[in-house]
Protein backbone atom coordinates (compact mmCIF):
# COMPACT_ATOMS: atom_id res chain seq x y z
CA MET A 1 -1.23 -12.45 -25.14
CA ILE A 2 -2.08 -9.53 -22.88
CA GLU A 3 -4.00 -6.77 -23.59
CA PHE A 4 -2.76 -3.53 -21.46
CA ARG A 5 -5.72 -1.55 -20.94
CA LEU A 6 -6.28 1.87 -19.50
CA PRO A 7 -7.00 1.81 -16.04
CA SER A 8 -9.65 3.77 -14.01
CA LEU A 9 -7.81 6.57 -11.83
CA GLY A 10 -10.55 7.49 -9.49
CA SER A 11 -14.56 6.93 -9.64
CA ASP A 12 -15.09 10.23 -11.18
CA MET A 13 -12.93 9.42 -14.27
CA ASP A 14 -14.31 8.44 -17.88
CA ASP A 15 -11.67 8.53 -20.18
CA GLY A 16 -8.16 10.00 -20.48
CA THR A 17 -5.54 11.15 -23.12
CA LEU A 18 -2.52 9.56 -23.96
CA VAL A 19 0.26 12.02 -23.73
CA GLU A 20 3.83 9.78 -24.44
CA TRP A 21 4.61 6.16 -24.57
CA ARG A 22 7.72 5.06 -22.06
CA VAL A 23 8.12 1.77 -24.17
CA GLN A 24 8.31 0.38 -27.43
CA PRO A 25 7.64 -2.73 -29.36
CA GLY A 26 10.33 -5.25 -28.25
CA ASP A 27 10.87 -3.81 -25.04
CA THR A 28 10.56 -6.02 -21.92
CA VAL A 29 7.95 -4.79 -19.06
CA LYS A 30 8.72 -5.79 -15.70
CA LYS A 31 5.38 -5.75 -13.15
CA GLY A 32 5.30 -2.13 -11.89
CA GLN A 33 6.94 -0.50 -14.66
CA VAL A 34 5.57 3.04 -15.81
CA VAL A 35 4.84 2.25 -19.58
CA ALA A 36 2.73 5.18 -20.71
CA VAL A 37 1.90 9.03 -19.37
CA VAL A 38 -2.23 9.78 -19.56
CA ASP A 39 -3.48 13.06 -19.04
CA THR A 40 -6.69 13.06 -16.83
CA THR A 41 -8.70 16.37 -15.85
CA LYS A 42 -6.40 16.37 -12.81
CA ALA A 43 -3.02 15.77 -13.93
CA ALA A 44 -0.61 14.00 -16.22
CA ILE A 45 -0.22 10.75 -14.86
CA ASP A 46 2.57 7.81 -14.95
CA VAL A 47 0.49 4.71 -16.06
CA GLU A 48 1.66 1.13 -14.51
CA CYS A 49 1.72 -2.20 -15.88
CA TRP A 50 1.09 -4.91 -13.50
CA ASP A 51 1.93 -7.76 -15.78
CA GLU A 52 5.10 -8.78 -17.09
CA GLY A 53 5.85 -9.64 -20.86
CA VAL A 54 7.55 -7.99 -23.72
CA VAL A 55 5.28 -5.40 -25.72
CA HIS A 56 4.31 -6.95 -29.18
CA ALA A 57 2.33 -3.74 -30.44
CA LEU A 58 0.92 -0.23 -29.59
CA LEU A 59 -2.68 0.42 -30.04
CA ALA A 60 -3.05 4.11 -29.78
CA GLU A 61 -1.09 7.27 -30.61
CA PRO A 62 0.02 10.60 -28.34
CA GLY A 63 -2.99 12.41 -28.45
CA THR A 64 -5.65 9.96 -28.06
CA ARG A 65 -8.31 10.09 -26.04
CA LEU A 66 -9.24 6.43 -24.53
CA PRO A 67 -11.96 5.48 -22.58
CA VAL A 68 -11.24 3.32 -19.38
CA GLY A 69 -10.86 0.13 -20.12
CA ALA A 70 -9.79 0.84 -23.48
CA ALA A 71 -6.70 -1.83 -25.14
CA LEU A 72 -3.73 0.65 -25.10
CA ALA A 73 -1.04 -2.32 -25.94
CA VAL A 74 -0.65 -6.08 -26.54
CA LEU A 75 2.17 -8.13 -24.36
CA ARG A 76 3.67 -11.42 -25.19
CA ALA A 77 3.28 -13.38 -22.04
CA VAL A 78 6.51 -15.04 -20.75
CA GLY A 79 7.52 -18.15 -22.82
CA GLU A 80 5.00 -17.31 -25.49
CA SER A 81 5.90 -17.45 -28.99
CA GLU A 82 5.48 -13.86 -31.35
CA ALA A 83 4.04 -16.19 -34.00
CA ASP A 84 1.55 -17.47 -31.21
CA VAL A 85 0.69 -13.64 -30.30
CA GLU A 86 0.09 -12.31 -34.23
CA ARG A 87 -2.28 -15.28 -34.77
CA GLU A 88 -4.40 -14.63 -31.63
CA TRP A 89 -4.18 -10.79 -31.81
CA ALA A 90 -5.20 -11.10 -35.86
CA ALA A 91 -8.25 -13.15 -34.97
CA MET A 92 -9.16 -10.69 -32.16
CA VAL A 93 -9.23 -7.90 -34.37
CA ALA A 94 -10.80 -9.58 -37.08
CA ARG A 95 -13.74 -10.60 -34.91
CA ARG A 96 -13.82 -6.89 -33.42
CA LEU A 97 -13.71 -5.21 -36.75
CA GLY A 98 -16.63 -7.88 -37.82
CA ALA A 99 -18.79 -6.92 -34.80
CA THR A 100 -18.22 -2.94 -35.72
CA ALA A 101 -19.05 -3.29 -39.64
CA SER A 102 -22.29 -5.55 -38.44
CA ARG A 103 -23.45 -2.76 -35.84
CA ALA A 104 -22.19 0.21 -38.45
CA GLY A 105 -23.74 -1.13 -41.65
CA PRO A 106 -23.27 -3.63 -44.16
CA ALA A 107 -19.80 -3.03 -45.47
CA ALA A 108 -17.66 -5.68 -44.22
CA PRO A 109 -14.22 -5.29 -43.06
CA THR A 110 -11.23 -6.35 -45.34
CA ALA A 111 -8.68 -8.88 -44.53
CA GLN A 112 -6.19 -6.36 -45.26
CA ALA A 113 -7.60 -3.52 -42.57
CA ALA A 114 -7.75 -6.55 -40.36
CA ALA A 115 -3.88 -7.48 -40.61
CA ALA A 116 -2.94 -3.95 -40.60
CA ALA A 117 -5.00 -3.62 -37.37
CA ALA A 118 -3.02 -6.42 -35.67
CA ARG A 119 0.32 -4.96 -36.70
CA GLY A 120 0.24 -1.30 -36.77
CA LEU A 121 -1.20 1.36 -34.57
CA VAL A 122 -4.91 1.11 -33.90
CA GLN A 123 -6.87 4.25 -32.67
CA PRO A 124 -10.15 4.76 -31.23
CA ALA A 125 -12.46 7.34 -33.51
CA ALA A 126 -12.84 10.61 -31.92
CA PRO A 127 -16.61 11.38 -30.67
CA THR A 128 -18.80 12.78 -32.76
CA LEU A 129 -22.54 13.07 -33.32
CA ALA A 130 -24.09 9.68 -34.14
CA ALA A 131 -26.90 9.44 -36.56
CA PRO A 132 -30.46 9.74 -35.09
CA GLY A 133 -32.06 6.36 -34.46
CA ALA A 134 -28.74 4.31 -33.83
CA ALA A 135 -29.07 1.06 -32.86
CA GLY A 136 -29.33 0.81 -29.04
CA ALA A 137 -28.56 4.53 -28.91
CA GLY A 138 -30.11 5.06 -25.41
CA ALA A 139 -30.73 1.41 -24.39
CA SER A 140 -27.28 0.84 -22.14
CA LEU A 141 -25.97 4.61 -22.57
CA ARG A 142 -24.37 5.57 -19.35
CA VAL A 143 -23.72 9.59 -18.52
CA SER A 144 -21.43 11.17 -16.36
CA PRO A 145 -23.27 13.60 -14.00
CA VAL A 146 -21.73 16.80 -15.48
CA ALA A 147 -21.76 15.57 -19.26
CA ARG A 148 -25.12 15.04 -18.76
CA ARG A 149 -25.93 18.32 -16.81
CA LEU A 150 -23.99 20.00 -19.77
CA ALA A 151 -26.15 18.21 -21.92
CA GLU A 152 -29.40 19.21 -20.56
CA GLU A 153 -28.25 22.83 -20.55
CA HIS A 154 -27.47 23.13 -24.31
CA GLY A 155 -30.61 20.98 -25.11
CA LEU A 156 -28.55 18.02 -26.74
CA ASP A 157 -29.79 14.59 -27.01
CA LEU A 158 -27.51 12.11 -25.56
CA ALA A 159 -28.94 9.67 -27.78
CA ARG A 160 -26.88 11.32 -30.36
CA ILE A 161 -23.86 11.23 -29.14
CA ALA A 162 -21.64 8.12 -29.81
CA ALA A 163 -19.03 7.63 -26.73
CA PRO A 164 -16.43 4.86 -26.43
CA ARG A 165 -17.87 1.64 -24.38
CA GLY A 166 -21.57 3.21 -24.14
CA ILE A 167 -20.12 5.84 -21.53
CA VAL A 168 -20.67 9.50 -22.25
CA SER A 169 -18.24 11.47 -20.61
CA LEU A 170 -18.00 15.63 -20.29
CA GLU A 171 -15.33 15.62 -23.28
CA ASP A 172 -17.77 13.67 -25.33
CA VAL A 173 -20.52 16.16 -24.78
CA GLN A 174 -18.04 19.13 -25.51
CA ALA A 175 -16.83 17.34 -28.70
CA ALA A 176 -20.54 16.71 -29.93
CA LEU A 177 -21.44 20.62 -29.02
CA ARG A 178 -18.22 21.78 -31.23
CA ALA A 179 -19.36 19.51 -34.20
CA GLY A 180 -23.02 21.05 -33.90
CA ALA A 181 -21.34 24.50 -33.96
CA GLY A 182 -19.68 23.85 -37.06
CA GLY A 183 -22.18 23.94 -38.97
CA SER A 184 -23.29 20.06 -39.06
CA ALA A 185 -27.33 20.05 -39.35
CA PRO A 186 -28.73 17.40 -36.98
CA GLY A 187 -28.26 14.46 -38.36
CA SER A 188 -26.94 15.22 -41.75
CA ALA A 189 -23.51 13.90 -42.21
CA ALA A 190 -23.05 12.25 -39.01
CA SER A 191 -21.91 8.82 -38.63
CA ILE A 192 -22.30 6.05 -36.16
CA VAL A 193 -18.72 5.93 -34.36
CA PRO A 194 -17.97 2.34 -33.32
CA HIS A 195 -18.02 2.09 -29.48
CA GLY A 196 -13.90 2.58 -28.88
CA GLY A 197 -11.61 -0.60 -28.96
CA ALA A 198 -9.21 -2.34 -30.88
CA GLY A 199 -11.73 -2.27 -33.77
CA SER A 200 -11.96 1.01 -34.91
CA ALA A 201 -8.97 2.15 -37.32
CA GLN A 202 -10.64 5.85 -38.00
CA ALA A 203 -7.81 8.05 -37.13
CA ASN A 204 -8.26 10.12 -34.18
CA VAL A 205 -8.75 14.17 -34.80
CA PRO A 206 -6.88 15.95 -31.92
CA GLY A 207 -8.36 18.72 -30.63
CA PRO A 208 -6.96 22.00 -29.71
CA ALA A 209 -4.37 21.72 -26.44
CA PRO A 210 -6.36 22.85 -23.18
CA THR A 211 -5.51 26.24 -21.89
CA ALA A 212 -4.89 26.39 -18.09
CA ALA A 213 -8.34 27.88 -17.66
CA SER A 214 -9.98 24.95 -19.67
CA ARG A 215 -8.10 22.45 -17.51
CA ALA A 216 -9.13 24.20 -14.27
CA GLN A 217 -12.63 24.31 -15.45
CA ALA A 218 -12.86 20.45 -16.34
CA MET A 219 -11.07 19.88 -13.12
CA ARG A 220 -13.75 22.03 -10.83
CA GLN A 221 -16.50 20.17 -12.94
CA THR A 222 -15.30 16.67 -12.27
CA ILE A 223 -14.85 17.88 -8.67
CA ALA A 224 -18.30 18.96 -8.36
CA ALA A 225 -19.69 15.69 -10.04
CA ALA A 226 -18.07 13.74 -7.48
CA MET A 227 -19.00 15.78 -4.60
CA SER A 228 -22.76 16.16 -5.78
CA ARG A 229 -22.75 12.25 -6.08
CA SER A 230 -21.07 11.80 -2.71
CA LYS A 231 -23.86 14.33 -0.91
CA ARG A 232 -26.95 12.67 -2.92
CA GLU A 233 -25.81 9.26 -2.44
CA ILE A 234 -24.14 8.78 0.80
CA PRO A 235 -25.55 8.98 4.41
CA HIS A 236 -22.75 11.20 6.09
CA TYR A 237 -22.66 11.55 10.00
CA TYR A 238 -19.95 13.63 11.41
CA LEU A 239 -18.08 13.74 14.55
CA ALA A 240 -15.28 15.88 16.18
CA GLU A 241 -12.70 15.01 19.00
CA GLU A 242 -10.27 17.57 20.76
CA ILE A 243 -6.81 16.08 21.20
CA GLU A 244 -3.97 17.23 23.29
CA PHE A 245 -0.85 17.51 21.45
CA ALA A 246 1.52 18.39 23.96
CA ARG A 247 3.62 15.13 24.07
CA GLY A 248 3.56 15.14 19.95
CA ALA A 249 4.97 18.75 20.16
CA ALA A 250 7.53 18.12 22.32
CA TRP A 251 8.65 14.76 20.67
CA LEU A 252 8.61 16.39 17.40
CA ALA A 253 10.79 19.41 19.12
CA GLN A 254 13.12 17.02 20.77
CA ARG A 255 13.78 14.72 17.30
CA ASN A 256 14.07 17.94 14.93
CA ALA A 257 16.60 19.55 17.32
CA ASP A 258 19.99 18.55 15.41
CA LEU A 259 18.38 18.26 12.15
CA PRO A 260 18.74 20.44 9.08
CA ALA A 261 15.82 21.96 8.00
CA ALA A 262 15.51 19.69 5.03
CA LEU A 263 14.99 16.67 7.37
CA ARG A 264 12.97 17.97 10.12
CA LEU A 265 9.90 15.36 10.88
CA LEU A 266 6.52 17.01 10.44
CA PRO A 267 3.51 16.83 12.62
CA ALA A 268 1.36 15.85 9.83
CA ALA A 269 3.37 12.48 9.62
CA LEU A 270 2.26 11.65 13.18
CA LEU A 271 -1.30 12.60 12.60
CA LEU A 272 -1.23 10.31 9.42
CA LYS A 273 0.32 7.43 11.21
CA SER A 274 -2.07 7.87 14.24
CA VAL A 275 -5.08 7.31 12.03
CA ALA A 276 -3.49 4.55 10.05
CA LEU A 277 -2.90 2.92 13.09
CA ALA A 278 -6.79 3.59 14.55
CA LEU A 279 -8.01 1.98 10.60
CA ARG A 280 -6.21 -1.24 11.62
CA ARG A 281 -8.17 -1.10 14.97
CA TYR A 282 -11.28 -0.19 13.12
CA PRO A 283 -11.61 -1.79 9.71
CA GLU A 284 -14.77 -0.51 8.86
CA PHE A 285 -13.82 2.84 8.24
CA ASN A 286 -11.11 1.71 5.63
CA GLY A 287 -12.51 0.19 2.49
CA PHE A 288 -15.38 0.76 -0.19
CA TRP A 289 -19.45 0.55 -0.56
CA ARG A 290 -19.75 -1.45 -3.64
CA GLU A 291 -23.12 -2.86 -5.06
CA GLY A 292 -24.74 -2.84 -1.70
CA ALA A 293 -22.13 -3.74 0.68
CA PHE A 294 -18.80 -2.80 2.23
CA VAL A 295 -15.73 -4.20 1.15
CA ALA A 296 -12.63 -4.08 3.47
CA ALA A 297 -9.46 -2.66 1.93
CA ALA A 298 -6.13 -5.18 2.05
CA GLY A 299 -3.95 -2.03 2.97
CA VAL A 300 -4.31 1.16 4.80
CA HIS A 301 -3.54 3.79 1.78
CA LEU A 302 -4.16 6.99 2.93
CA GLY A 303 -5.57 9.59 0.26
CA VAL A 304 -4.06 12.61 1.14
CA ALA A 305 -5.83 15.96 0.13
CA ILE A 306 -3.33 18.27 -1.67
CA SER A 307 -4.11 21.58 -3.39
CA LEU A 308 -2.87 22.50 -6.71
CA ARG A 309 -1.33 25.74 -7.78
CA GLU A 310 -3.35 26.22 -10.45
CA GLY A 311 -6.94 25.26 -8.28
CA GLY A 312 -8.45 22.28 -7.62
CA LEU A 313 -6.93 19.13 -5.01
CA VAL A 314 -5.91 15.68 -5.70
CA ALA A 315 -5.68 12.92 -3.19
CA PRO A 316 -3.26 10.43 -4.14
CA ALA A 317 -2.24 7.54 -2.09
CA LEU A 318 0.51 7.15 0.81
CA HIS A 319 0.71 3.35 0.63
CA ASP A 320 0.93 1.04 3.88
CA VAL A 321 1.02 3.99 6.12
CA ASP A 322 0.85 1.92 8.86
CA ARG A 323 3.97 0.21 8.25
CA HIS A 324 6.13 3.65 7.97
CA ASP A 325 8.17 5.28 10.58
CA ILE A 326 7.93 8.89 11.24
CA ALA A 327 10.62 9.61 9.22
CA SER A 328 10.13 7.85 6.06
CA LEU A 329 6.58 8.31 6.29
CA THR A 330 7.51 12.36 6.77
CA ARG A 331 10.12 11.90 3.53
CA SER A 332 7.20 10.31 1.62
CA LEU A 333 4.56 12.51 2.47
CA LEU A 334 7.16 15.51 0.65
CA ASP A 335 8.02 13.54 -1.97
CA LEU A 336 4.14 12.79 -2.71
CA VAL A 337 3.66 16.76 -2.35
CA LYS A 338 6.39 17.61 -4.41
CA ARG A 339 5.30 15.16 -7.47
CA THR A 340 1.61 16.04 -7.37
CA ARG A 341 2.20 19.55 -8.06
CA ALA A 342 4.62 18.58 -10.42
CA GLY A 343 2.16 16.51 -12.56
CA ALA A 344 4.23 13.11 -11.87
CA LEU A 345 1.75 10.96 -10.15
CA ARG A 346 1.76 7.00 -10.79
CA SER A 347 -1.52 5.71 -11.77
CA SER A 348 -1.50 3.39 -8.12
CA GLU A 349 -1.47 6.48 -6.20
CA LEU A 350 -4.85 7.76 -7.92
CA ALA A 351 -6.51 4.31 -7.89
CA ASP A 352 -5.30 2.80 -4.61
CA PRO A 353 -6.46 5.61 -1.69
CA THR A 354 -8.75 3.34 0.83
CA ILE A 355 -9.56 6.64 2.73
CA THR A 356 -9.12 10.37 2.50
CA VAL A 357 -7.40 12.77 5.06
CA THR A 358 -7.26 16.43 4.92
CA ASN A 359 -5.24 18.68 7.02
CA LEU A 360 -6.04 22.26 6.74
CA GLY A 361 -4.49 23.36 9.87
CA GLU A 362 -1.67 25.40 7.81
CA GLN A 363 -4.37 27.33 6.46
CA GLY A 364 -5.44 28.39 9.88
CA VAL A 365 -8.58 26.90 10.52
CA ALA A 366 -9.78 25.36 13.61
CA SER A 367 -11.51 21.95 12.06
CA VAL A 368 -12.49 20.60 8.51
CA PHE A 369 -15.60 18.54 8.15
CA GLY A 370 -14.99 16.53 4.66
CA VAL A 371 -17.09 15.00 1.93
CA ILE A 372 -16.55 11.71 1.24
CA TYR A 373 -14.97 10.55 -2.11
CA PRO A 374 -16.91 7.46 -3.26
CA PRO A 375 -16.57 4.81 -3.17
CA GLN A 376 -14.81 5.13 -0.10
CA VAL A 377 -16.67 5.27 3.29
CA ALA A 378 -14.71 7.85 5.28
CA LEU A 379 -12.71 10.82 5.62
CA VAL A 380 -10.59 12.18 8.37
CA GLY A 381 -9.99 15.66 9.07
CA PHE A 382 -7.27 17.75 11.26
CA GLY A 383 -7.27 21.44 12.19
CA ARG A 384 -4.85 23.70 13.40
CA ILE A 385 -2.29 23.11 16.18
CA ALA A 386 -2.77 25.97 18.42
CA PRO A 387 -2.49 26.50 22.48
CA ARG A 388 -5.87 26.41 24.06
CA PRO A 389 -6.95 26.59 28.02
CA VAL A 390 -7.08 23.28 29.54
CA VAL A 391 -7.95 22.31 32.98
CA ALA A 392 -4.97 20.31 34.26
CA ASP A 393 -5.47 17.41 36.90
CA ASP A 394 -4.66 19.35 39.56
CA GLY A 395 -7.39 22.17 38.58
CA SER A 396 -5.10 24.70 37.29
CA LEU A 397 -5.62 26.39 34.03
CA ARG A 398 -3.12 25.77 31.11
CA ALA A 399 -2.34 26.87 28.04
CA MET A 400 -1.66 23.24 25.76
CA PRO A 401 -1.24 22.93 22.17
CA MET A 402 -4.42 21.30 21.10
CA LEU A 403 -5.96 20.19 17.64
CA THR A 404 -9.44 19.11 16.48
CA ALA A 405 -10.03 15.68 14.76
CA THR A 406 -13.45 15.21 12.67
CA LEU A 407 -14.42 11.97 10.91
CA ALA A 408 -17.24 12.08 8.03
CA ALA A 409 -18.36 8.65 7.69
CA ASP A 410 -20.84 6.90 5.59
CA HIS A 411 -23.74 5.32 7.76
CA ARG A 412 -24.31 2.21 5.50
CA ALA A 413 -20.78 1.30 6.67
CA SER A 414 -20.61 2.02 10.35
CA ASP A 415 -22.26 3.73 12.82
CA GLY A 416 -21.57 6.68 15.43
CA HIS A 417 -20.17 4.32 17.99
CA ARG A 418 -17.63 3.10 15.99
CA GLY A 419 -16.50 6.32 15.00
CA ALA A 420 -16.28 7.77 18.12
CA LEU A 421 -14.14 4.79 19.13
CA LEU A 422 -12.05 5.23 15.74
CA LEU A 423 -11.27 9.20 16.84
CA ALA A 424 -10.57 8.14 20.41
CA ALA A 425 -7.76 5.72 18.81
CA VAL A 426 -6.75 8.53 17.08
CA ARG A 427 -6.62 10.40 20.23
CA GLU A 428 -4.76 7.66 22.48
CA SER A 429 -1.95 7.14 19.45
CA LEU A 430 -1.07 10.72 19.52
CA GLN A 431 0.04 10.74 23.33
CA ASP A 432 2.43 8.34 22.48
CA PRO A 433 4.67 9.51 19.79
CA GLU A 434 7.46 6.77 20.69
CA ALA A 435 4.76 3.99 19.49
CA LEU A 436 3.88 6.07 16.76
CA ASP A 437 7.66 6.05 15.67
CA ARG A 438 7.78 2.38 15.22
CA PRO A 439 7.53 0.57 11.76
CA GLY A 440 4.84 -1.85 11.39
CA THR A 441 3.48 -1.27 14.89
CA ALA A 442 1.28 -4.02 15.64
CA PRO A 443 -2.66 -3.24 16.23
CA GLY A 444 -3.37 -2.07 19.73
CA PRO A 445 -5.86 -3.83 22.08
CA GLN A 446 -8.87 -5.62 21.00
CA GLU A 447 -11.22 -2.77 20.36
CA GLU A 448 -14.28 -2.10 22.30
CA LYS A 449 -17.35 -4.22 21.24
CA ARG A 450 -20.52 -2.78 20.55
């Protein structure tokens, strides 16, 4: 039996709302197939399943808000019988219902409830105010920064909020405030809500549909929480490098001369490829800081910062950028931007970025110094490409296309010397656009030692 759970789509995600199922019981699921659409504060995301099997049961209805890690569906593994899955699932649900009952009170779950939960649709309860003094209410409670701030602003006791898996999110606090505003005396009719999962059979009561303004506010609060955490926890250092782009501009002009506008190569593709190749030489910038140590990423998946029309931004991943040629990278980039703004991203595109790249050159800025998105350890920025006076080898003054590349890096994972080498590698790569255009280009010569 395989439990398909709601994946984390970023370090700032506590929960998501199931929008629709793309599969039904009895459907065969292949690895990487989109099985559901989940709405987060940033976008509606196509969620992929990375196991293969047959859908045995769907455990949540569209409109249900679920914590990260909540079981969404049960799959029958290849070669597993339906009877075996039914027995295993019924036993698991019975255990969970029993554990829930022992926490919530003396009333034991009935066998019929366990059987119904095993067969049908099980939904986590909507968060409500918990009874004062609930067992363990404050012992292991985790609270997102934006949720804690909102609770403090309204004088709300976090220990009285029952939340899935012991994690209080912004939406949990908002729901608790709505419940309080509805006239419930503190602790009067409040009940202890089970901490989510498949053990709860209480129906979720959908709230009002979010407005564009409320979604924009929620996104800003999410971004604020992530960026505040970054500046609070990550010791940033910053570097900048002036890069001549004459060769890149000439190469693009030559390649685009006979191409229709829709197929023309983008300068951004050259910039992204140069970063990807530099990261292969200096992998300490391509990965995550987790549990007090740097964890290198297996692939080079650049999170491209994309502004949204309704406000805010998302940085979904372009996968394996170091393996692309410039034409395929241009196509992938345009497709990613289009799907991001249409709300058609996949879960892997939000979960997989290993570093973020932001390019504000089209907005006219000369340079950009960004804030690292935790648990990543670096961010590369590019400013506008524009003519600047440059002293040539013969001493003459010429106007050359130039741009500024910047690096924001986590001093726990790297130091300034290595950061300078990374930017130098970006500069060197951009002087050889033909090499950048080769797919799967081998890493450059061994980098300079410390």
